[in-house]
Amino acid sequence: MLTSMLKQHRGKQYAHKQSQERRRQEATTALYKFNEGVMKSINTGVSTSYVNQCALDSEMKQLQTQAAHFTKITSRWINELSAFQTALKELGDVENWATSIENDLNSVANSLEYLHAHSGSVQSTSHKP
């Protein structure tokens, strides 16, 4: 009777160990599948982030190139506008100079006309006998 109880007990222990081993393997398989799914999800996110980062880097380089080109063009326009403004100032200076010369010449012409007109009357009064 004891031997049969011992056999029965050992049989139950063996069945219990087998059940535990089967559950452990099922848990390990489930964890492996879960881990694989999580890693795929993470890797997909990382992969997408990496692709986006590469695209952003490329666009940033293009933008830097375009900004440098725009800066050069803007600098050229500023220089051209500055030269144009200087030329306009010079034209204004020439116009003022020409107006000043014209006024001076008009003043001289008026003075000469006045002298000529009065010198004729002065000569006519000085020739009287």
N, C-alpha and C. Protein backbone atom coordinates (compact mmCIF):
# COMPACT_ATOMS: atom_id res chain seq x y z
N MET A 1 0.79 -1.16 0.00
CA MET A 1 0.00 0.00 0.00
C MET A 1 0.86 1.26 0.00
N LEU A 2 1.85 1.30 0.78
CA LEU A 2 2.76 2.44 0.79
C LEU A 2 3.46 2.60 -0.55
N THR A 3 3.87 1.55 -1.10
CA THR A 3 4.53 1.65 -2.39
C THR A 3 3.57 2.15 -3.45
N SER A 4 2.34 1.73 -3.36
CA SER A 4 1.40 2.22 -4.35
C SER A 4 1.11 3.70 -4.12
N MET A 5 1.04 4.13 -2.86
CA MET A 5 0.86 5.55 -2.57
C MET A 5 2.07 6.36 -3.02
N LEU A 6 3.25 5.77 -2.79
CA LEU A 6 4.47 6.45 -3.21
C LEU A 6 4.51 6.56 -4.73
N LYS A 7 4.13 5.49 -5.41
CA LYS A 7 4.09 5.54 -6.88
C LYS A 7 3.08 6.57 -7.34
N GLN A 8 1.95 6.56 -6.70
CA GLN A 8 0.90 7.51 -7.07
C GLN A 8 1.39 8.95 -6.83
N HIS A 9 2.04 9.15 -5.68
CA HIS A 9 2.55 10.49 -5.36
C HIS A 9 3.61 10.91 -6.37
N ARG A 10 4.53 10.00 -6.69
CA ARG A 10 5.57 10.31 -7.68
C ARG A 10 4.95 10.57 -9.05
N GLY A 11 3.93 9.84 -9.39
CA GLY A 11 3.23 10.05 -10.66
C GLY A 11 2.59 11.43 -10.72
N LYS A 12 1.96 11.83 -9.59
CA LYS A 12 1.36 13.16 -9.54
C LYS A 12 2.44 14.24 -9.62
N GLN A 13 3.56 14.01 -8.93
CA GLN A 13 4.66 14.98 -8.99
C GLN A 13 5.20 15.09 -10.41
N TYR A 14 5.35 13.93 -11.04
CA TYR A 14 5.86 13.94 -12.42
C TYR A 14 4.88 14.67 -13.34
N ALA A 15 3.59 14.39 -13.19
CA ALA A 15 2.57 15.06 -14.01
C ALA A 15 2.58 16.56 -13.72
N HIS A 16 2.74 16.89 -12.43
CA HIS A 16 2.79 18.30 -12.06
C HIS A 16 4.02 18.98 -12.67
N LYS A 17 5.16 18.32 -12.61
CA LYS A 17 6.39 18.87 -13.22
C LYS A 17 6.22 19.02 -14.72
N GLN A 18 5.61 18.03 -15.36
CA GLN A 18 5.38 18.10 -16.80
C GLN A 18 4.47 19.28 -17.12
N SER A 19 3.43 19.43 -16.31
CA SER A 19 2.51 20.55 -16.52
C SER A 19 3.23 21.88 -16.32
N GLN A 20 4.05 21.96 -15.29
CA GLN A 20 4.82 23.19 -15.03
C GLN A 20 5.78 23.47 -16.18
N GLU A 21 6.45 22.44 -16.67
CA GLU A 21 7.39 22.61 -17.80
C GLU A 21 6.66 23.08 -19.04
N ARG A 22 5.49 22.46 -19.30
CA ARG A 22 4.70 22.87 -20.46
C ARG A 22 4.27 24.33 -20.31
N ARG A 23 3.81 24.73 -19.15
CA ARG A 23 3.42 26.12 -18.91
C ARG A 23 4.61 27.07 -19.06
N ARG A 24 5.77 26.64 -18.53
CA ARG A 24 6.97 27.47 -18.65
C ARG A 24 7.33 27.66 -20.12
N GLN A 25 7.26 26.59 -20.91
CA GLN A 25 7.58 26.71 -22.33
C GLN A 25 6.54 27.58 -23.05
N GLU A 26 5.27 27.44 -22.69
CA GLU A 26 4.23 28.28 -23.28
C GLU A 26 4.46 29.76 -22.92
N ALA A 27 4.82 30.01 -21.67
CA ALA A 27 5.09 31.38 -21.23
C ALA A 27 6.31 31.93 -21.97
N THR A 28 7.34 31.10 -22.11
CA THR A 28 8.55 31.53 -22.82
C THR A 28 8.22 31.85 -24.27
N THR A 29 7.43 30.99 -24.91
CA THR A 29 7.04 31.23 -26.30
C THR A 29 6.20 32.50 -26.40
N ALA A 30 5.26 32.67 -25.48
CA ALA A 30 4.42 33.86 -25.50
C ALA A 30 5.26 35.12 -25.28
N LEU A 31 6.20 35.06 -24.34
CA LEU A 31 7.08 36.21 -24.10
C LEU A 31 7.96 36.49 -25.31
N TYR A 32 8.44 35.43 -25.96
CA TYR A 32 9.25 35.62 -27.16
C TYR A 32 8.43 36.32 -28.25
N LYS A 33 7.18 35.85 -28.45
CA LYS A 33 6.32 36.46 -29.46
C LYS A 33 5.98 37.91 -29.09
N PHE A 34 5.71 38.13 -27.80
CA PHE A 34 5.42 39.49 -27.34
C PHE A 34 6.63 40.39 -27.57
N ASN A 35 7.79 39.90 -27.18
CA ASN A 35 9.03 40.67 -27.35
C ASN A 35 9.28 40.96 -28.83
N GLU A 36 9.04 39.96 -29.67
CA GLU A 36 9.24 40.14 -31.10
C GLU A 36 8.28 41.20 -31.64
N GLY A 37 7.02 41.16 -31.21
CA GLY A 37 6.04 42.16 -31.65
C GLY A 37 6.40 43.56 -31.18
N VAL A 38 6.82 43.67 -29.93
CA VAL A 38 7.22 44.98 -29.39
C VAL A 38 8.43 45.50 -30.15
N MET A 39 9.40 44.64 -30.38
CA MET A 39 10.62 45.06 -31.09
C MET A 39 10.30 45.48 -32.52
N LYS A 40 9.39 44.76 -33.19
CA LYS A 40 8.99 45.16 -34.54
C LYS A 40 8.35 46.54 -34.50
N SER A 41 7.48 46.74 -33.52
CA SER A 41 6.82 48.04 -33.38
C SER A 41 7.83 49.14 -33.12
N ILE A 42 8.75 48.89 -32.21
CA ILE A 42 9.79 49.88 -31.90
C ILE A 42 10.67 50.10 -33.11
N ASN A 43 11.09 49.02 -33.75
CA ASN A 43 11.97 49.15 -34.92
C ASN A 43 11.28 49.90 -36.05
N THR A 44 9.98 49.67 -36.21
CA THR A 44 9.24 50.41 -37.23
C THR A 44 9.25 51.89 -36.92
N GLY A 45 9.01 52.23 -35.66
CA GLY A 45 9.05 53.63 -35.25
C GLY A 45 10.43 54.23 -35.42
N VAL A 46 11.45 53.48 -35.02
CA VAL A 46 12.83 53.96 -35.16
C VAL A 46 13.17 54.11 -36.63
N SER A 47 12.77 53.14 -37.43
CA SER A 47 13.04 53.21 -38.86
C SER A 47 12.36 54.42 -39.49
N THR A 48 11.12 54.63 -39.13
CA THR A 48 10.39 55.80 -39.64
C THR A 48 11.06 57.09 -39.19
N SER A 49 11.46 57.13 -37.93
CA SER A 49 12.15 58.33 -37.41
C SER A 49 13.46 58.56 -38.15
N TYR A 50 14.20 57.49 -38.41
CA TYR A 50 15.47 57.62 -39.12
C TYR A 50 15.26 58.15 -40.54
N VAL A 51 14.27 57.60 -41.22
CA VAL A 51 13.97 58.05 -42.59
C VAL A 51 13.55 59.52 -42.57
N ASN A 52 12.71 59.90 -41.60
CA ASN A 52 12.29 61.30 -41.48
C ASN A 52 13.47 62.20 -41.18
N GLN A 53 14.37 61.75 -40.30
CA GLN A 53 15.54 62.54 -39.96
C GLN A 53 16.43 62.74 -41.18
N CYS A 54 16.62 61.69 -41.96
CA CYS A 54 17.43 61.82 -43.18
C CYS A 54 16.79 62.81 -44.15
N ALA A 55 15.47 62.74 -44.29
CA ALA A 55 14.77 63.68 -45.18
C ALA A 55 14.91 65.11 -44.66
N LEU A 56 14.77 65.29 -43.36
CA LEU A 56 14.93 66.63 -42.77
C LEU A 56 16.35 67.15 -42.95
N ASP A 57 17.34 66.28 -42.78
CA ASP A 57 18.73 66.70 -42.99
C ASP A 57 18.95 67.15 -44.43
N SER A 58 18.40 66.40 -45.36
CA SER A 58 18.53 66.76 -46.77
C SER A 58 17.85 68.09 -47.06
N GLU A 59 16.64 68.26 -46.55
CA GLU A 59 15.92 69.52 -46.77
C GLU A 59 16.63 70.68 -46.09
N MET A 60 17.22 70.43 -44.92
CA MET A 60 17.95 71.48 -44.21
C MET A 60 19.17 71.93 -45.02
N LYS A 61 19.88 70.97 -45.61
CA LYS A 61 21.04 71.33 -46.44
C LYS A 61 20.60 72.14 -47.65
N GLN A 62 19.50 71.74 -48.28
CA GLN A 62 18.99 72.50 -49.41
C GLN A 62 18.58 73.91 -48.98
N LEU A 63 17.94 74.01 -47.84
CA LEU A 63 17.52 75.31 -47.33
C LEU A 63 18.73 76.19 -47.01
N GLN A 64 19.78 75.60 -46.44
CA GLN A 64 20.99 76.36 -46.15
C GLN A 64 21.62 76.87 -47.45
N THR A 65 21.65 76.02 -48.46
CA THR A 65 22.20 76.43 -49.75
C THR A 65 21.37 77.55 -50.35
N GLN A 66 20.06 77.40 -50.32
CA GLN A 66 19.18 78.44 -50.86
C GLN A 66 19.30 79.73 -50.07
N ALA A 67 19.44 79.63 -48.75
CA ALA A 67 19.58 80.83 -47.92
C ALA A 67 20.89 81.55 -48.24
N ALA A 68 21.96 80.79 -48.43
CA ALA A 68 23.25 81.41 -48.78
C ALA A 68 23.14 82.09 -50.14
N HIS A 69 22.49 81.44 -51.09
CA HIS A 69 22.30 82.02 -52.42
C HIS A 69 21.45 83.29 -52.32
N PHE A 70 20.39 83.24 -51.54
CA PHE A 70 19.53 84.40 -51.35
C PHE A 70 20.30 85.55 -50.70
N THR A 71 21.17 85.22 -49.75
CA THR A 71 21.99 86.24 -49.09
C THR A 71 22.91 86.91 -50.09
N LYS A 72 23.52 86.12 -50.99
CA LYS A 72 24.40 86.70 -52.01
C LYS A 72 23.62 87.63 -52.93
N ILE A 73 22.45 87.17 -53.38
CA ILE A 73 21.63 87.98 -54.28
C ILE A 73 21.19 89.26 -53.57
N THR A 74 20.78 89.14 -52.33
CA THR A 74 20.35 90.31 -51.56
C THR A 74 21.50 91.29 -51.40
N SER A 75 22.68 90.77 -51.14
CA SER A 75 23.86 91.63 -51.00
C SER A 75 24.13 92.37 -52.30
N ARG A 76 24.01 91.68 -53.41
CA ARG A 76 24.21 92.33 -54.72
C ARG A 76 23.18 93.43 -54.93
N TRP A 77 21.91 93.14 -54.62
CA TRP A 77 20.86 94.14 -54.78
C TRP A 77 21.13 95.36 -53.89
N ILE A 78 21.57 95.11 -52.67
CA ILE A 78 21.88 96.22 -51.77
C ILE A 78 22.98 97.09 -52.35
N ASN A 79 24.02 96.45 -52.90
CA ASN A 79 25.12 97.20 -53.52
C ASN A 79 24.63 98.00 -54.72
N GLU A 80 23.78 97.36 -55.55
CA GLU A 80 23.25 98.05 -56.73
C GLU A 80 22.38 99.24 -56.32
N LEU A 81 21.54 99.05 -55.32
CA LEU A 81 20.68 100.14 -54.87
C LEU A 81 21.49 101.26 -54.24
N SER A 82 22.55 100.90 -53.54
CA SER A 82 23.42 101.91 -52.95
C SER A 82 24.10 102.72 -54.05
N ALA A 83 24.58 102.04 -55.08
CA ALA A 83 25.21 102.74 -56.21
C ALA A 83 24.19 103.63 -56.92
N PHE A 84 22.97 103.13 -57.09
CA PHE A 84 21.92 103.92 -57.73
C PHE A 84 21.59 105.16 -56.89
N GLN A 85 21.51 104.98 -55.58
CA GLN A 85 21.22 106.11 -54.69
C GLN A 85 22.35 107.14 -54.76
N THR A 86 23.59 106.68 -54.81
CA THR A 86 24.72 107.59 -54.93
C THR A 86 24.65 108.35 -56.25
N ALA A 87 24.30 107.65 -57.33
CA ALA A 87 24.18 108.31 -58.64
C ALA A 87 23.07 109.35 -58.61
N LEU A 88 21.95 109.04 -57.96
CA LEU A 88 20.86 110.02 -57.84
C LEU A 88 21.30 111.25 -57.04
N LYS A 89 22.07 111.02 -55.99
CA LYS A 89 22.58 112.14 -55.20
C LYS A 89 23.50 113.01 -56.05
N GLU A 90 24.35 112.33 -56.84
CA GLU A 90 25.26 113.08 -57.71
C GLU A 90 24.48 113.88 -58.74
N LEU A 91 23.42 113.29 -59.29
CA LEU A 91 22.58 114.03 -60.23
C LEU A 91 21.94 115.23 -59.54
N GLY A 92 21.49 115.03 -58.32
CA GLY A 92 20.93 116.14 -57.56
C GLY A 92 21.98 117.21 -57.32
N ASP A 93 23.21 116.80 -57.01
CA ASP A 93 24.30 117.76 -56.80
C ASP A 93 24.61 118.50 -58.09
N VAL A 94 24.63 117.78 -59.22
CA VAL A 94 24.89 118.41 -60.52
C VAL A 94 23.78 119.39 -60.85
N GLU A 95 22.53 119.00 -60.56
CA GLU A 95 21.40 119.89 -60.83
C GLU A 95 21.52 121.15 -59.98
N ASN A 96 21.85 120.98 -58.70
CA ASN A 96 22.03 122.15 -57.83
C ASN A 96 23.18 123.03 -58.33
N TRP A 97 24.26 122.40 -58.75
CA TRP A 97 25.43 123.14 -59.26
C TRP A 97 25.03 123.90 -60.53
N ALA A 98 24.30 123.20 -61.43
CA ALA A 98 23.88 123.85 -62.68
C ALA A 98 22.93 125.01 -62.38
N THR A 99 22.02 124.83 -61.44
CA THR A 99 21.10 125.91 -61.06
C THR A 99 21.88 127.08 -60.47
N SER A 100 22.85 126.77 -59.64
CA SER A 100 23.68 127.82 -59.03
C SER A 100 24.46 128.58 -60.10
N ILE A 101 25.05 127.85 -61.06
CA ILE A 101 25.80 128.49 -62.16
C ILE A 101 24.84 129.34 -62.99
N GLU A 102 23.64 128.81 -63.27
CA GLU A 102 22.66 129.54 -64.07
C GLU A 102 22.26 130.84 -63.36
N ASN A 103 22.02 130.74 -62.06
CA ASN A 103 21.67 131.94 -61.29
C ASN A 103 22.82 132.95 -61.29
N ASP A 104 24.05 132.46 -61.14
CA ASP A 104 25.21 133.36 -61.18
C ASP A 104 25.33 134.03 -62.54
N LEU A 105 25.16 133.24 -63.61
CA LEU A 105 25.27 133.80 -64.96
C LEU A 105 24.14 134.79 -65.23
N ASN A 106 22.92 134.50 -64.74
CA ASN A 106 21.81 135.45 -64.88
C ASN A 106 22.13 136.75 -64.14
N SER A 107 22.72 136.60 -62.96
CA SER A 107 23.09 137.78 -62.19
C SER A 107 24.13 138.61 -62.92
N VAL A 108 25.14 137.92 -63.51
CA VAL A 108 26.18 138.61 -64.28
C VAL A 108 25.55 139.26 -65.51
N ALA A 109 24.66 138.54 -66.20
CA ALA A 109 24.01 139.08 -67.40
C ALA A 109 23.17 140.29 -67.04
N ASN A 110 22.44 140.21 -65.96
CA ASN A 110 21.63 141.36 -65.52
C ASN A 110 22.51 142.55 -65.16
N SER A 111 23.62 142.25 -64.50
CA SER A 111 24.55 143.33 -64.14
C SER A 111 25.12 143.97 -65.39
N LEU A 112 25.49 143.14 -66.37
CA LEU A 112 26.05 143.67 -67.62
C LEU A 112 25.00 144.48 -68.37
N GLU A 113 23.77 143.99 -68.40
CA GLU A 113 22.70 144.74 -69.06
C GLU A 113 22.47 146.07 -68.35
N TYR A 114 22.48 146.02 -67.05
CA TYR A 114 22.29 147.25 -66.28
C TYR A 114 23.43 148.23 -66.56
N LEU A 115 24.65 147.71 -66.55
CA LEU A 115 25.80 148.57 -66.83
C LEU A 115 25.75 149.11 -68.25
N HIS A 116 25.38 148.25 -69.17
CA HIS A 116 25.31 148.68 -70.56
C HIS A 116 24.22 149.74 -70.74
N ALA A 117 23.10 149.54 -70.10
CA ALA A 117 22.01 150.50 -70.20
C ALA A 117 22.39 151.81 -69.53
N HIS A 118 23.05 151.78 -68.43
CA HIS A 118 23.42 153.00 -67.72
C HIS A 118 24.69 153.62 -68.27
N SER A 119 25.52 152.82 -68.84
CA SER A 119 26.74 153.42 -69.41
C SER A 119 26.40 154.24 -70.64
N GLY A 120 25.37 153.88 -71.37
CA GLY A 120 24.92 154.67 -72.52
C GLY A 120 24.36 155.99 -72.06
N SER A 121 23.64 156.01 -70.98
CA SER A 121 23.08 157.26 -70.48
C SER A 121 24.16 158.09 -69.81
N VAL A 122 25.14 157.46 -69.23
CA VAL A 122 26.26 158.20 -68.63
C VAL A 122 27.11 158.82 -69.72
N GLN A 123 27.34 158.11 -70.80
CA GLN A 123 28.14 158.65 -71.90
C GLN A 123 27.40 159.78 -72.59
N SER A 124 26.12 159.69 -72.73
CA SER A 124 25.36 160.75 -73.40
C SER A 124 25.34 162.01 -72.55
N THR A 125 25.35 161.93 -71.28
CA THR A 125 25.38 163.12 -70.43
C THR A 125 26.78 163.69 -70.33
N SER A 126 27.77 162.89 -70.49
CA SER A 126 29.13 163.41 -70.38
C SER A 126 29.60 164.03 -71.69
N HIS A 127 28.97 163.86 -72.82
CA HIS A 127 29.36 164.42 -74.12
C HIS A 127 28.65 165.72 -74.40
N LYS A 128 27.86 166.23 -73.57
CA LYS A 128 27.14 167.47 -73.81
C LYS A 128 28.13 168.63 -73.75
N PRO A 129 27.99 169.60 -74.72
CA PRO A 129 28.92 170.74 -74.70
C PRO A 129 28.51 171.87 -73.86
